[in-house]
């Protein structure tokens, strides 16, 4: 049995009538970077996630950089991560001048927490929980 990794055509058919007017509005007004549409999206996401604020960004890479900055990661820090993540994970760490420290993964391809404990904590600022192929439903 061949099970598809994603079902984008089916999802598009299910959501097409709701999404097309939003896409048309964004493209017609150019309001996909800032503006009322983005503010409303952030408000709805904050409500859905039960948090006070949400900030939307242009890419996953920038979200990783912003997250590390919010945690106070600087050029003297080490960040524990996994080698099987997308390159953006390591690039974000390096962009801030920090040093990525790679640890092994379990059979399920997620970070092995036992290896985190073995690392020297003197310079460690953060360790990322990496969940392979995770999806967030909003």
C-alpha atoms as a PDB file:
ATOM      1  CA  UNK A   1       0.000   0.000   0.000  1.00  0.00           C
ATOM      2  CA  UNK A   2       1.407   3.387  -1.004  1.00  0.00           C
ATOM      3  CA  UNK A   3       0.553   6.018   1.615  1.00  0.00           C
ATOM      4  CA  UNK A   4       1.317   9.597   0.506  1.00  0.00           C
ATOM      5  CA  UNK A   5       3.500  11.747   2.767  1.00  0.00           C
ATOM      6  CA  UNK A   6       1.030  14.626   2.380  1.00  0.00           C
ATOM      7  CA  UNK A   7      -2.434  15.019   0.955  1.00  0.00           C
ATOM      8  CA  UNK A   8      -2.194  18.563  -0.391  1.00  0.00           C
ATOM      9  CA  UNK A   9      -4.634  18.051  -3.303  1.00  0.00           C
ATOM     10  CA  UNK A  10      -7.314  16.748  -0.929  1.00  0.00           C
ATOM     11  CA  UNK A  11      -6.632  19.522   1.580  1.00  0.00           C
ATOM     12  CA  UNK A  12      -6.776  22.148  -1.187  1.00  0.00           C
ATOM     13  CA  UNK A  13     -10.134  20.844  -2.410  1.00  0.00           C
ATOM     14  CA  UNK A  14     -11.523  20.899   1.128  1.00  0.00           C
ATOM     15  CA  UNK A  15     -10.334  24.467   1.856  1.00  0.00           C
ATOM     16  CA  UNK A  16     -10.264  26.044  -1.634  1.00  0.00           C
ATOM     17  CA  UNK A  17     -13.503  28.029  -1.384  1.00  0.00           C
ATOM     18  CA  UNK A  18     -12.429  29.506   1.963  1.00  0.00           C
ATOM     19  CA  UNK A  19      -8.842  30.264   0.920  1.00  0.00           C
ATOM     20  CA  UNK A  20      -9.313  31.733  -2.567  1.00  0.00           C
ATOM     21  CA  UNK A  21     -10.953  34.981  -1.367  1.00  0.00           C
ATOM     22  CA  UNK A  22      -8.169  35.438   1.205  1.00  0.00           C
ATOM     23  CA  UNK A  23      -5.470  34.839  -1.397  1.00  0.00           C
ATOM     24  CA  UNK A  24      -7.231  37.238  -3.792  1.00  0.00           C
ATOM     25  CA  UNK A  25      -7.432  39.924  -1.104  1.00  0.00           C
ATOM     26  CA  UNK A  26      -3.767  39.567  -0.140  1.00  0.00           C
ATOM     27  CA  UNK A  27      -2.560  39.648  -3.741  1.00  0.00           C
ATOM     28  CA  UNK A  28      -4.893  42.503  -4.749  1.00  0.00           C
ATOM     29  CA  UNK A  29      -3.878  44.723  -1.840  1.00  0.00           C
ATOM     30  CA  UNK A  30      -0.309  43.551  -1.283  1.00  0.00           C
ATOM     31  CA  UNK A  31      -1.182  43.129   2.398  1.00  0.00           C
ATOM     32  CA  UNK A  32       0.707  39.914   3.002  1.00  0.00           C
ATOM     33  CA  UNK A  33       3.601  41.731   4.686  1.00  0.00           C
ATOM     34  CA  UNK A  34       2.276  43.630   7.674  1.00  0.00           C
ATOM     35  CA  UNK A  35      -1.063  45.397   7.623  1.00  0.00           C
ATOM     36  CA  UNK A  36      -4.527  44.493   8.831  1.00  0.00           C
ATOM     37  CA  UNK A  37      -4.560  40.989   7.350  1.00  0.00           C
ATOM     38  CA  UNK A  38      -1.373  39.948   9.108  1.00  0.00           C
ATOM     39  CA  UNK A  39      -2.449  41.596  12.356  1.00  0.00           C
ATOM     40  CA  UNK A  40      -5.728  39.662  12.229  1.00  0.00           C
ATOM     41  CA  UNK A  41      -3.880  36.402  11.499  1.00  0.00           C
ATOM     42  CA  UNK A  42      -1.580  36.971  14.482  1.00  0.00           C
ATOM     43  CA  UNK A  43      -4.577  37.790  16.709  1.00  0.00           C
ATOM     44  CA  UNK A  44      -6.403  34.607  15.656  1.00  0.00           C
ATOM     45  CA  UNK A  45      -3.309  32.464  16.094  1.00  0.00           C
ATOM     46  CA  UNK A  46      -2.701  33.903  19.577  1.00  0.00           C
ATOM     47  CA  UNK A  47      -6.289  33.080  20.520  1.00  0.00           C
ATOM     48  CA  UNK A  48      -6.039  29.564  19.072  1.00  0.00           C
ATOM     49  CA  UNK A  49      -2.709  28.919  20.851  1.00  0.00           C
ATOM     50  CA  UNK A  50      -4.020  30.473  24.081  1.00  0.00           C
ATOM     51  CA  UNK A  51      -1.149  32.935  24.330  1.00  0.00           C
ATOM     52  CA  UNK A  52      -0.943  36.699  24.567  1.00  0.00           C
ATOM     53  CA  UNK A  53       1.069  37.367  21.386  1.00  0.00           C
ATOM     54  CA  UNK A  54       2.034  35.724  18.123  1.00  0.00           C
ATOM     55  CA  UNK A  55       4.593  37.069  15.673  1.00  0.00           C
ATOM     56  CA  UNK A  56       4.499  35.809  12.108  1.00  0.00           C
ATOM     57  CA  UNK A  57       7.766  35.790  10.189  1.00  0.00           C
ATOM     58  CA  UNK A  58       8.862  35.289   6.598  1.00  0.00           C
ATOM     59  CA  UNK A  59      10.557  31.930   7.123  1.00  0.00           C
ATOM     60  CA  UNK A  60      11.255  29.091   9.468  1.00  0.00           C
ATOM     61  CA  UNK A  61      14.904  30.130   9.503  1.00  0.00           C
ATOM     62  CA  UNK A  62      14.045  33.587  10.828  1.00  0.00           C
ATOM     63  CA  UNK A  63      11.767  32.036  13.441  1.00  0.00           C
ATOM     64  CA  UNK A  64      14.665  29.892  14.677  1.00  0.00           C
ATOM     65  CA  UNK A  65      16.972  32.938  14.820  1.00  0.00           C
ATOM     66  CA  UNK A  66      14.357  35.009  16.660  1.00  0.00           C
ATOM     67  CA  UNK A  67      13.719  32.172  19.103  1.00  0.00           C
ATOM     68  CA  UNK A  68      17.409  31.841  19.895  1.00  0.00           C
ATOM     69  CA  UNK A  69      17.722  35.611  20.321  1.00  0.00           C
ATOM     70  CA  UNK A  70      14.731  35.609  22.683  1.00  0.00           C
ATOM     71  CA  UNK A  71      16.503  32.944  24.739  1.00  0.00           C
ATOM     72  CA  UNK A  72      19.569  35.172  24.942  1.00  0.00           C
ATOM     73  CA  UNK A  73      21.892  32.973  22.864  1.00  0.00           C
ATOM     74  CA  UNK A  74      25.122  34.797  21.993  1.00  0.00           C
ATOM     75  CA  UNK A  75      28.527  34.055  20.490  1.00  0.00           C
ATOM     76  CA  UNK A  76      29.859  32.512  23.694  1.00  0.00           C
ATOM     77  CA  UNK A  77      27.139  29.863  23.922  1.00  0.00           C
ATOM     78  CA  UNK A  78      26.689  26.274  22.821  1.00  0.00           C
ATOM     79  CA  UNK A  79      23.360  24.981  21.551  1.00  0.00           C
ATOM     80  CA  UNK A  80      22.742  21.250  21.540  1.00  0.00           C
ATOM     81  CA  UNK A  81      20.938  20.031  18.444  1.00  0.00           C
ATOM     82  CA  UNK A  82      20.743  16.995  16.185  1.00  0.00           C
ATOM     83  CA  UNK A  83      22.614  16.413  12.927  1.00  0.00           C
ATOM     84  CA  UNK A  84      19.554  15.112  11.081  1.00  0.00           C
ATOM     85  CA  UNK A  85      17.585  18.361  11.209  1.00  0.00           C
ATOM     86  CA  UNK A  86      17.237  20.743   8.255  1.00  0.00           C
ATOM     87  CA  UNK A  87      20.320  22.950   7.737  1.00  0.00           C
ATOM     88  CA  UNK A  88      18.378  26.014   8.971  1.00  0.00           C
ATOM     89  CA  UNK A  89      18.594  24.704  12.545  1.00  0.00           C
ATOM     90  CA  UNK A  90      22.375  24.781  12.492  1.00  0.00           C
ATOM     91  CA  UNK A  91      22.500  27.945  10.363  1.00  0.00           C
ATOM     92  CA  UNK A  92      20.452  29.854  12.952  1.00  0.00           C
ATOM     93  CA  UNK A  93      22.844  28.830  15.714  1.00  0.00           C
ATOM     94  CA  UNK A  94      25.895  29.797  13.669  1.00  0.00           C
ATOM     95  CA  UNK A  95      24.296  33.099  12.536  1.00  0.00           C
ATOM     96  CA  UNK A  96      24.267  34.214  16.166  1.00  0.00           C
ATOM     97  CA  UNK A  97      27.890  33.164  16.615  1.00  0.00           C
ATOM     98  CA  UNK A  98      27.005  30.276  18.915  1.00  0.00           C
ATOM     99  CA  UNK A  99      28.455  26.801  18.525  1.00  0.00           C
ATOM    100  CA  UNK A 100      26.180  23.911  17.508  1.00  0.00           C
ATOM    101  CA  UNK A 101      26.818  20.732  19.481  1.00  0.00           C
ATOM    102  CA  UNK A 102      25.447  17.655  17.765  1.00  0.00           C
ATOM    103  CA  UNK A 103      24.152  14.709  19.763  1.00  0.00           C
ATOM    104  CA  UNK A 104      22.845  11.364  18.610  1.00  0.00           C
ATOM    105  CA  UNK A 105      19.228  10.540  18.002  1.00  0.00           C
ATOM    106  CA  UNK A 106      17.082   7.618  19.088  1.00  0.00           C
ATOM    107  CA  UNK A 107      15.701   4.992  16.715  1.00  0.00           C
ATOM    108  CA  UNK A 108      12.662   7.248  16.222  1.00  0.00           C
ATOM    109  CA  UNK A 109      15.069   9.929  14.875  1.00  0.00           C
ATOM    110  CA  UNK A 110      14.382  12.304  17.795  1.00  0.00           C
ATOM    111  CA  UNK A 111      17.061  13.709  20.091  1.00  0.00           C
ATOM    112  CA  UNK A 112      18.540  11.289  22.622  1.00  0.00           C
ATOM    113  CA  UNK A 113      18.169  13.050  25.982  1.00  0.00           C
ATOM    114  CA  UNK A 114      20.808  10.835  27.585  1.00  0.00           C
ATOM    115  CA  UNK A 115      23.417  12.399  25.315  1.00  0.00           C
ATOM    116  CA  UNK A 116      22.358  15.895  26.375  1.00  0.00           C
ATOM    117  CA  UNK A 117      23.083  15.061  29.995  1.00  0.00           C
ATOM    118  CA  UNK A 118      26.616  13.924  29.101  1.00  0.00           C
ATOM    119  CA  UNK A 119      27.564  17.264  27.549  1.00  0.00           C
ATOM    120  CA  UNK A 120      29.427  19.824  29.627  1.00  0.00           C
ATOM    121  CA  UNK A 121      26.976  22.493  30.818  1.00  0.00           C
ATOM    122  CA  UNK A 122      29.483  25.339  31.296  1.00  0.00           C
ATOM    123  CA  UNK A 123      28.812  27.033  27.964  1.00  0.00           C
ATOM    124  CA  UNK A 124      25.495  25.398  27.111  1.00  0.00           C
ATOM    125  CA  UNK A 125      22.778  27.968  26.737  1.00  0.00           C
ATOM    126  CA  UNK A 126      20.025  25.887  25.207  1.00  0.00           C
ATOM    127  CA  UNK A 127      19.209  22.474  23.877  1.00  0.00           C
ATOM    128  CA  UNK A 128      16.572  22.132  21.203  1.00  0.00           C
ATOM    129  CA  UNK A 129      13.917  19.510  21.352  1.00  0.00           C
ATOM    130  CA  UNK A 130      13.777  18.168  17.836  1.00  0.00           C
ATOM    131  CA  UNK A 131      10.715  16.223  16.771  1.00  0.00           C
ATOM    132  CA  UNK A 132      11.124  14.561  13.402  1.00  0.00           C
ATOM    133  CA  UNK A 133       8.434  15.323  10.849  1.00  0.00           C
ATOM    134  CA  UNK A 134       6.119  17.055  13.305  1.00  0.00           C
ATOM    135  CA  UNK A 135       3.129  19.056  12.148  1.00  0.00           C
ATOM    136  CA  UNK A 136       1.149  21.744  13.921  1.00  0.00           C
ATOM    137  CA  UNK A 137      -2.583  21.932  13.334  1.00  0.00           C
ATOM    138  CA  UNK A 138      -3.965  25.449  13.561  1.00  0.00           C
END
